[in-house]
Amino acid sequence: MHIVSGAHLWQREPSMYREGISDQLREIERQVVEGERQLAECEARLIELKRQNQDTDAAQAELETLRSYQRQREQERQRLLFLLHP
């Protein structure tokens, strides 16, 4: 029977913790990039609607919603970065 000391478990745990955070960070960074793409598309639609003198209310509301989501993703990204590099 092999007994693992408490110190040995503690030494492994931070690595596992960091791996989990790194995985979350990779995912949120993927979402941030996708969010930037969505914002650019929405901004382009809004510009085109304005150019055509069409109603922009729905596009403007969508843009504000996307911006809000993007701020949340960026805040989460910063939180994860802080956990990895306090």
PDB file of N, CA and C in Angstrom:
ATOM      1  N   MET A   1       0.846  -1.179   0.000  1.00  0.00           N
ATOM      2  CA  MET A   1       0.000   0.000   0.000  1.00  0.00           C
ATOM      3  C   MET A   1       0.890   1.241   0.000  1.00  0.00           C
ATOM      4  N   HIS A   2       0.587   2.153  -0.909  1.00  0.00           N
ATOM      5  CA  HIS A   2       1.367   3.382  -1.035  1.00  0.00           C
ATOM      6  C   HIS A   2       0.603   4.507  -0.351  1.00  0.00           C
ATOM      7  N   ILE A   3       1.245   5.174   0.578  1.00  0.00           N
ATOM      8  CA  ILE A   3       0.619   6.280   1.298  1.00  0.00           C
ATOM      9  C   ILE A   3       1.152   7.581   0.726  1.00  0.00           C
ATOM     10  N   VAL A   4       0.241   8.464   0.373  1.00  0.00           N
ATOM     11  CA  VAL A   4       0.615   9.763  -0.179  1.00  0.00           C
ATOM     12  C   VAL A   4       0.534  10.784   0.942  1.00  0.00           C
ATOM     13  N   SER A   5       1.596  11.494   1.131  1.00  0.00           N
ATOM     14  CA  SER A   5       1.601  12.487   2.210  1.00  0.00           C
ATOM     15  C   SER A   5       0.733  13.679   1.842  1.00  0.00           C
ATOM     16  N   GLY A   6       0.261  14.367   2.845  1.00  0.00           N
ATOM     17  CA  GLY A   6      -0.533  15.573   2.632  1.00  0.00           C
ATOM     18  C   GLY A   6       0.238  16.634   1.880  1.00  0.00           C
ATOM     19  N   ALA A   7       1.547  16.748   2.145  1.00  0.00           N
ATOM     20  CA  ALA A   7       2.369  17.733   1.448  1.00  0.00           C
ATOM     21  C   ALA A   7       2.412  17.428  -0.042  1.00  0.00           C
ATOM     22  N   HIS A   8       2.501  16.147  -0.381  1.00  0.00           N
ATOM     23  CA  HIS A   8       2.556  15.775  -1.784  1.00  0.00           C
ATOM     24  C   HIS A   8       1.248  16.155  -2.497  1.00  0.00           C
ATOM     25  N   LEU A   9       0.113  15.916  -1.856  1.00  0.00           N
ATOM     26  CA  LEU A   9      -1.164  16.300  -2.443  1.00  0.00           C
ATOM     27  C   LEU A   9      -1.248  17.804  -2.632  1.00  0.00           C
ATOM     28  N   TRP A  10      -0.792  18.554  -1.657  1.00  0.00           N
ATOM     29  CA  TRP A  10      -0.834  20.012  -1.744  1.00  0.00           C
ATOM     30  C   TRP A  10       0.010  20.507  -2.910  1.00  0.00           C
ATOM     31  N   GLN A  11       1.150  19.857  -3.142  1.00  0.00           N
ATOM     32  CA  GLN A  11       2.022  20.276  -4.238  1.00  0.00           C
ATOM     33  C   GLN A  11       1.369  20.013  -5.589  1.00  0.00           C
ATOM     34  N   ARG A  12       0.569  18.981  -5.691  1.00  0.00           N
ATOM     35  CA  ARG A  12      -0.096  18.692  -6.964  1.00  0.00           C
ATOM     36  C   ARG A  12      -1.319  19.573  -7.175  1.00  0.00           C
ATOM     37  N   GLU A  13      -1.999  19.930  -6.145  1.00  0.00           N
ATOM     38  CA  GLU A  13      -3.254  20.658  -6.259  1.00  0.00           C
ATOM     39  C   GLU A  13      -3.119  21.993  -6.984  1.00  0.00           C
ATOM     40  N   PRO A  14      -2.129  22.836  -6.671  1.00  0.00           N
ATOM     41  CA  PRO A  14      -2.031  24.107  -7.384  1.00  0.00           C
ATOM     42  C   PRO A  14      -1.898  23.925  -8.891  1.00  0.00           C
ATOM     43  N   SER A  15      -1.200  22.900  -9.327  1.00  0.00           N
ATOM     44  CA  SER A  15      -1.052  22.645 -10.753  1.00  0.00           C
ATOM     45  C   SER A  15      -2.404  22.313 -11.373  1.00  0.00           C
ATOM     46  N   MET A  16      -3.182  21.471 -10.712  1.00  0.00           N
ATOM     47  CA  MET A  16      -4.501  21.105 -11.212  1.00  0.00           C
ATOM     48  C   MET A  16      -5.408  22.337 -11.230  1.00  0.00           C
ATOM     49  N   TYR A  17      -5.305  23.166 -10.212  1.00  0.00           N
ATOM     50  CA  TYR A  17      -6.089  24.391 -10.109  1.00  0.00           C
ATOM     51  C   TYR A  17      -5.746  25.323 -11.263  1.00  0.00           C
ATOM     52  N   ARG A  18      -4.446  25.494 -11.512  1.00  0.00           N
ATOM     53  CA  ARG A  18      -3.991  26.368 -12.600  1.00  0.00           C
ATOM     54  C   ARG A  18      -4.433  25.825 -13.957  1.00  0.00           C
ATOM     55  N   GLU A  19      -4.418  24.523 -14.129  1.00  0.00           N
ATOM     56  CA  GLU A  19      -4.851  23.934 -15.398  1.00  0.00           C
ATOM     57  C   GLU A  19      -6.320  24.238 -15.651  1.00  0.00           C
ATOM     58  N   GLY A  20      -7.130  24.115 -14.616  1.00  0.00           N
ATOM     59  CA  GLY A  20      -8.556  24.416 -14.755  1.00  0.00           C
ATOM     60  C   GLY A  20      -8.791  25.874 -15.118  1.00  0.00           C
ATOM     61  N   ILE A  21      -8.068  26.759 -14.459  1.00  0.00           N
ATOM     62  CA  ILE A  21      -8.195  28.182 -14.759  1.00  0.00           C
ATOM     63  C   ILE A  21      -7.695  28.470 -16.170  1.00  0.00           C
ATOM     64  N   SER A  22      -6.607  27.835 -16.554  1.00  0.00           N
ATOM     65  CA  SER A  22      -6.073  28.018 -17.909  1.00  0.00           C
ATOM     66  C   SER A  22      -7.090  27.564 -18.951  1.00  0.00           C
ATOM     67  N   ASP A  23      -7.768  26.459 -18.688  1.00  0.00           N
ATOM     68  CA  ASP A  23      -8.807  25.981 -19.606  1.00  0.00           C
ATOM     69  C   ASP A  23      -9.940  27.008 -19.709  1.00  0.00           C
ATOM     70  N   GLN A  24     -10.358  27.534 -18.564  1.00  0.00           N
ATOM     71  CA  GLN A  24     -11.416  28.545 -18.560  1.00  0.00           C
ATOM     72  C   GLN A  24     -10.968  29.796 -19.304  1.00  0.00           C
ATOM     73  N   LEU A  25      -9.709  30.176 -19.111  1.00  0.00           N
ATOM     74  CA  LEU A  25      -9.175  31.362 -19.773  1.00  0.00           C
ATOM     75  C   LEU A  25      -9.151  31.170 -21.289  1.00  0.00           C
ATOM     76  N   ARG A  26      -8.734  30.007 -21.747  1.00  0.00           N
ATOM     77  CA  ARG A  26      -8.738  29.738 -23.193  1.00  0.00           C
ATOM     78  C   ARG A  26     -10.152  29.863 -23.759  1.00  0.00           C
ATOM     79  N   GLU A  27     -11.118  29.330 -23.034  1.00  0.00           N
ATOM     80  CA  GLU A  27     -12.506  29.401 -23.503  1.00  0.00           C
ATOM     81  C   GLU A  27     -13.010  30.838 -23.528  1.00  0.00           C
ATOM     82  N   ILE A  28     -12.750  31.605 -22.483  1.00  0.00           N
ATOM     83  CA  ILE A  28     -13.248  32.979 -22.450  1.00  0.00           C
ATOM     84  C   ILE A  28     -12.537  33.820 -23.510  1.00  0.00           C
ATOM     85  N   GLU A  29     -11.268  33.536 -23.769  1.00  0.00           N
ATOM     86  CA  GLU A  29     -10.564  34.268 -24.824  1.00  0.00           C
ATOM     87  C   GLU A  29     -11.156  33.943 -26.191  1.00  0.00           C
ATOM     88  N   ARG A  30     -11.564  32.697 -26.393  1.00  0.00           N
ATOM     89  CA  ARG A  30     -12.235  32.327 -27.636  1.00  0.00           C
ATOM     90  C   ARG A  30     -13.546  33.109 -27.756  1.00  0.00           C
ATOM     91  N   GLN A  31     -14.269  33.213 -26.637  1.00  0.00           N
ATOM     92  CA  GLN A  31     -15.533  33.947 -26.632  1.00  0.00           C
ATOM     93  C   GLN A  31     -15.319  35.443 -26.868  1.00  0.00           C
ATOM     94  N   VAL A  32     -14.244  35.993 -26.329  1.00  0.00           N
ATOM     95  CA  VAL A  32     -13.940  37.414 -26.539  1.00  0.00           C
ATOM     96  C   VAL A  32     -13.690  37.675 -28.024  1.00  0.00           C
ATOM     97  N   VAL A  33     -12.916  36.807 -28.665  1.00  0.00           N
ATOM     98  CA  VAL A  33     -12.643  36.963 -30.093  1.00  0.00           C
ATOM     99  C   VAL A  33     -13.939  36.869 -30.898  1.00  0.00           C
ATOM    100  N   GLU A  34     -14.777  35.886 -30.579  1.00  0.00           N
ATOM    101  CA  GLU A  34     -16.055  35.735 -31.265  1.00  0.00           C
ATOM    102  C   GLU A  34     -16.940  36.955 -31.009  1.00  0.00           C
ATOM    103  N   GLY A  35     -16.921  37.463 -29.783  1.00  0.00           N
ATOM    104  CA  GLY A  35     -17.702  38.655 -29.455  1.00  0.00           C
ATOM    105  C   GLY A  35     -17.258  39.865 -30.256  1.00  0.00           C
ATOM    106  N   GLU A  36     -15.957  40.013 -30.445  1.00  0.00           N
ATOM    107  CA  GLU A  36     -15.439  41.123 -31.263  1.00  0.00           C
ATOM    108  C   GLU A  36     -15.938  41.006 -32.704  1.00  0.00           C
ATOM    109  N   ARG A  37     -15.969  39.768 -33.216  1.00  0.00           N
ATOM    110  CA  ARG A  37     -16.464  39.552 -34.571  1.00  0.00           C
ATOM    111  C   ARG A  37     -17.940  39.936 -34.669  1.00  0.00           C
ATOM    112  N   GLN A  38     -18.717  39.525 -33.676  1.00  0.00           N
ATOM    113  CA  GLN A  38     -20.146  39.850 -33.668  1.00  0.00           C
ATOM    114  C   GLN A  38     -20.364  41.362 -33.567  1.00  0.00           C
ATOM    115  N   LEU A  39     -19.572  42.020 -32.736  1.00  0.00           N
ATOM    116  CA  LEU A  39     -19.680  43.474 -32.617  1.00  0.00           C
ATOM    117  C   LEU A  39     -19.384  44.160 -33.948  1.00  0.00           C
ATOM    118  N   ALA A  40     -18.338  43.724 -34.617  1.00  0.00           N
ATOM    119  CA  ALA A  40     -17.969  44.324 -35.906  1.00  0.00           C
ATOM    120  C   ALA A  40     -19.082  44.138 -36.935  1.00  0.00           C
ATOM    121  N   GLU A  41     -19.673  42.946 -36.969  1.00  0.00           N
ATOM    122  CA  GLU A  41     -20.776  42.692 -37.902  1.00  0.00           C
ATOM    123  C   GLU A  41     -21.973  43.586 -37.592  1.00  0.00           C
ATOM    124  N   CYS A  42     -22.295  43.701 -36.323  1.00  0.00           N
ATOM    125  CA  CYS A  42     -23.440  44.511 -35.917  1.00  0.00           C
ATOM    126  C   CYS A  42     -23.186  45.987 -36.225  1.00  0.00           C
ATOM    127  N   GLU A  43     -21.982  46.450 -35.957  1.00  0.00           N
ATOM    128  CA  GLU A  43     -21.635  47.845 -36.267  1.00  0.00           C
ATOM    129  C   GLU A  43     -21.725  48.100 -37.768  1.00  0.00           C
ATOM    130  N   ALA A  44     -21.287  47.139 -38.570  1.00  0.00           N
ATOM    131  CA  ALA A  44     -21.371  47.283 -40.031  1.00  0.00           C
ATOM    132  C   ALA A  44     -22.834  47.343 -40.481  1.00  0.00           C
ATOM    133  N   ARG A  45     -23.693  46.499 -39.885  1.00  0.00           N
ATOM    134  CA  ARG A  45     -25.125  46.541 -40.222  1.00  0.00           C
ATOM    135  C   ARG A  45     -25.717  47.895 -39.860  1.00  0.00           C
ATOM    136  N   LEU A  46     -25.354  48.395 -38.694  1.00  0.00           N
ATOM    137  CA  LEU A  46     -25.872  49.683 -38.236  1.00  0.00           C
ATOM    138  C   LEU A  46     -25.455  50.801 -39.197  1.00  0.00           C
ATOM    139  N   ILE A  47     -24.211  50.797 -39.598  1.00  0.00           N
ATOM    140  CA  ILE A  47     -23.717  51.813 -40.546  1.00  0.00           C
ATOM    141  C   ILE A  47     -24.476  51.717 -41.867  1.00  0.00           C
ATOM    142  N   GLU A  48     -24.683  50.482 -42.328  1.00  0.00           N
ATOM    143  CA  GLU A  48     -25.416  50.286 -43.588  1.00  0.00           C
ATOM    144  C   GLU A  48     -26.857  50.760 -43.467  1.00  0.00           C
ATOM    145  N   LEU A  49     -27.502  50.480 -42.356  1.00  0.00           N
ATOM    146  CA  LEU A  49     -28.872  50.954 -42.145  1.00  0.00           C
ATOM    147  C   LEU A  49     -28.927  52.478 -42.137  1.00  0.00           C
ATOM    148  N   LYS A  50     -27.966  53.101 -41.466  1.00  0.00           N
ATOM    149  CA  LYS A  50     -27.923  54.570 -41.435  1.00  0.00           C
ATOM    150  C   LYS A  50     -27.697  55.127 -42.834  1.00  0.00           C
ATOM    151  N   ARG A  51     -26.818  54.487 -43.580  1.00  0.00           N
ATOM    152  CA  ARG A  51     -26.512  54.941 -44.941  1.00  0.00           C
ATOM    153  C   ARG A  51     -27.765  54.879 -45.821  1.00  0.00           C
ATOM    154  N   GLN A  52     -28.592  53.873 -45.575  1.00  0.00           N
ATOM    155  CA  GLN A  52     -29.816  53.689 -46.362  1.00  0.00           C
ATOM    156  C   GLN A  52     -31.017  54.427 -45.762  1.00  0.00           C
ATOM    157  N   ASN A  53     -30.753  55.224 -44.729  1.00  0.00           N
ATOM    158  CA  ASN A  53     -31.814  55.977 -44.032  1.00  0.00           C
ATOM    159  C   ASN A  53     -32.934  55.064 -43.537  1.00  0.00           C
ATOM    160  N   GLN A  54     -32.562  53.890 -43.036  1.00  0.00           N
ATOM    161  CA  GLN A  54     -33.545  52.949 -42.489  1.00  0.00           C
ATOM    162  C   GLN A  54     -33.539  53.032 -40.968  1.00  0.00           C
ATOM    163  N   ASP A  55     -34.565  52.427 -40.377  1.00  0.00           N
ATOM    164  CA  ASP A  55     -34.692  52.413 -38.921  1.00  0.00           C
ATOM    165  C   ASP A  55     -33.519  51.636 -38.312  1.00  0.00           C
ATOM    166  N   THR A  56     -32.885  52.236 -37.331  1.00  0.00           N
ATOM    167  CA  THR A  56     -31.710  51.627 -36.697  1.00  0.00           C
ATOM    168  C   THR A  56     -31.964  51.206 -35.251  1.00  0.00           C
ATOM    169  N   ASP A  57     -33.184  51.357 -34.779  1.00  0.00           N
ATOM    170  CA  ASP A  57     -33.469  51.090 -33.366  1.00  0.00           C
ATOM    171  C   ASP A  57     -33.105  49.665 -32.952  1.00  0.00           C
ATOM    172  N   ALA A  58     -33.545  48.694 -33.730  1.00  0.00           N
ATOM    173  CA  ALA A  58     -33.274  47.296 -33.370  1.00  0.00           C
ATOM    174  C   ALA A  58     -31.780  47.002 -33.427  1.00  0.00           C
ATOM    175  N   ALA A  59     -31.111  47.500 -34.450  1.00  0.00           N
ATOM    176  CA  ALA A  59     -29.666  47.268 -34.582  1.00  0.00           C
ATOM    177  C   ALA A  59     -28.910  47.959 -33.449  1.00  0.00           C
ATOM    178  N   GLN A  60     -29.352  49.157 -33.079  1.00  0.00           N
ATOM    179  CA  GLN A  60     -28.701  49.876 -31.979  1.00  0.00           C
ATOM    180  C   GLN A  60     -28.888  49.133 -30.659  1.00  0.00           C
ATOM    181  N   ALA A  61     -30.088  48.600 -30.431  1.00  0.00           N
ATOM    182  CA  ALA A  61     -30.353  47.832 -29.204  1.00  0.00           C
ATOM    183  C   ALA A  61     -29.504  46.563 -29.183  1.00  0.00           C
ATOM    184  N   GLU A  62     -29.400  45.887 -30.330  1.00  0.00           N
ATOM    185  CA  GLU A  62     -28.571  44.684 -30.407  1.00  0.00           C
ATOM    186  C   GLU A  62     -27.112  45.022 -30.120  1.00  0.00           C
ATOM    187  N   LEU A  63     -26.642  46.134 -30.672  1.00  0.00           N
ATOM    188  CA  LEU A  63     -25.253  46.545 -30.459  1.00  0.00           C
ATOM    189  C   LEU A  63     -24.985  46.812 -28.978  1.00  0.00           C
ATOM    190  N   GLU A  64     -25.889  47.466 -28.307  1.00  0.00           N
ATOM    191  CA  GLU A  64     -25.716  47.739 -26.877  1.00  0.00           C
ATOM    192  C   GLU A  64     -25.700  46.452 -26.066  1.00  0.00           C
ATOM    193  N   THR A  65     -26.557  45.510 -26.437  1.00  0.00           N
ATOM    194  CA  THR A  65     -26.579  44.212 -25.756  1.00  0.00           C
ATOM    195  C   THR A  65     -25.254  43.478 -25.970  1.00  0.00           C
ATOM    196  N   LEU A  66     -24.778  43.456 -27.211  1.00  0.00           N
ATOM    197  CA  LEU A  66     -23.504  42.799 -27.506  1.00  0.00           C
ATOM    198  C   LEU A  66     -22.349  43.457 -26.760  1.00  0.00           C
ATOM    199  N   ARG A  67     -22.371  44.769 -26.675  1.00  0.00           N
ATOM    200  CA  ARG A  67     -21.320  45.480 -25.931  1.00  0.00           C
ATOM    201  C   ARG A  67     -21.344  45.113 -24.451  1.00  0.00           C
ATOM    202  N   SER A  68     -22.537  44.990 -23.901  1.00  0.00           N
ATOM    203  CA  SER A  68     -22.666  44.603 -22.497  1.00  0.00           C
ATOM    204  C   SER A  68     -22.103  43.200 -22.265  1.00  0.00           C
ATOM    205  N   TYR A  69     -22.470  42.269 -23.143  1.00  0.00           N
ATOM    206  CA  TYR A  69     -21.945  40.902 -23.034  1.00  0.00           C
ATOM    207  C   TYR A  69     -20.422  40.900 -23.160  1.00  0.00           C
ATOM    208  N   GLN A  70     -19.916  41.714 -24.076  1.00  0.00           N
ATOM    209  CA  GLN A  70     -18.472  41.747 -24.290  1.00  0.00           C
ATOM    210  C   GLN A  70     -17.748  42.293 -23.055  1.00  0.00           C
ATOM    211  N   ARG A  71     -18.314  43.300 -22.427  1.00  0.00           N
ATOM    212  CA  ARG A  71     -17.718  43.824 -21.184  1.00  0.00           C
ATOM    213  C   ARG A  71     -17.669  42.738 -20.115  1.00  0.00           C
ATOM    214  N   GLN A  72     -18.745  41.957 -20.010  1.00  0.00           N
ATOM    215  CA  GLN A  72     -18.783  40.871 -19.026  1.00  0.00           C
ATOM    216  C   GLN A  72     -17.709  39.823 -19.326  1.00  0.00           C
ATOM    217  N   ARG A  73     -17.559  39.482 -20.602  1.00  0.00           N
ATOM    218  CA  ARG A  73     -16.526  38.501 -20.974  1.00  0.00           C
ATOM    219  C   ARG A  73     -15.134  39.040 -20.665  1.00  0.00           C
ATOM    220  N   GLU A  74     -14.911  40.309 -20.961  1.00  0.00           N
ATOM    221  CA  GLU A  74     -13.599  40.898 -20.688  1.00  0.00           C
ATOM    222  C   GLU A  74     -13.314  40.973 -19.191  1.00  0.00           C
ATOM    223  N   GLN A  75     -14.344  41.242 -18.396  1.00  0.00           N
ATOM    224  CA  GLN A  75     -14.164  41.248 -16.940  1.00  0.00           C
ATOM    225  C   GLN A  75     -13.820  39.851 -16.441  1.00  0.00           C
ATOM    226  N   GLU A  76     -14.482  38.842 -16.981  1.00  0.00           N
ATOM    227  CA  GLU A  76     -14.190  37.462 -16.588  1.00  0.00           C
ATOM    228  C   GLU A  76     -12.766  37.092 -16.995  1.00  0.00           C
ATOM    229  N   ARG A  77     -12.368  37.527 -18.168  1.00  0.00           N
ATOM    230  CA  ARG A  77     -10.996  37.277 -18.627  1.00  0.00           C
ATOM    231  C   ARG A  77      -9.990  37.895 -17.657  1.00  0.00           C
ATOM    232  N   GLN A  78     -10.232  39.131 -17.237  1.00  0.00           N
ATOM    233  CA  GLN A  78      -9.330  39.796 -16.295  1.00  0.00           C
ATOM    234  C   GLN A  78      -9.299  39.068 -14.952  1.00  0.00           C
ATOM    235  N   ARG A  79     -10.456  38.591 -14.503  1.00  0.00           N
ATOM    236  CA  ARG A  79     -10.514  37.857 -13.243  1.00  0.00           C
ATOM    237  C   ARG A  79      -9.665  36.586 -13.319  1.00  0.00           C
ATOM    238  N   LEU A  80      -9.794  35.864 -14.408  1.00  0.00           N
ATOM    239  CA  LEU A  80      -9.017  34.625 -14.575  1.00  0.00           C
ATOM    240  C   LEU A  80      -7.523  34.919 -14.689  1.00  0.00           C
ATOM    241  N   LEU A  81      -7.187  35.976 -15.406  1.00  0.00           N
ATOM    242  CA  LEU A  81      -5.766  36.347 -15.501  1.00  0.00           C
ATOM    243  C   LEU A  81      -5.195  36.676 -14.125  1.00  0.00           C
ATOM    244  N   PHE A  82      -5.977  37.372 -13.320  1.00  0.00           N
ATOM    245  CA  PHE A  82      -5.528  37.716 -11.970  1.00  0.00           C
ATOM    246  C   PHE A  82      -5.310  36.454 -11.128  1.00  0.00           C
ATOM    247  N   LEU A  83      -6.209  35.473 -11.283  1.00  0.00           N
ATOM    248  CA  LEU A  83      -6.048  34.227 -10.523  1.00  0.00           C
ATOM    249  C   LEU A  83      -4.769  33.500 -10.933  1.00  0.00           C
ATOM    250  N   LEU A  84      -4.427  33.575 -12.199  1.00  0.00           N
ATOM    251  CA  LEU A  84      -3.202  32.903 -12.675  1.00  0.00           C
ATOM    252  C   LEU A  84      -1.936  33.674 -12.310  1.00  0.00           C
ATOM    253  N   HIS A  85      -2.064  35.009 -12.302  1.00  0.00           N
ATOM    254  CA  HIS A  85      -0.901  35.874 -12.072  1.00  0.00           C
ATOM    255  C   HIS A  85      -1.268  36.960 -11.060  1.00  0.00           C
ATOM    256  N   PRO A  86      -1.399  36.592  -9.785  1.00  0.00           N
ATOM    257  CA  PRO A  86      -1.829  37.587  -8.778  1.00  0.00           C
ATOM    258  C   PRO A  86      -0.823  38.708  -8.567  1.00  0.00           C
TER     259      PRO A  86
END
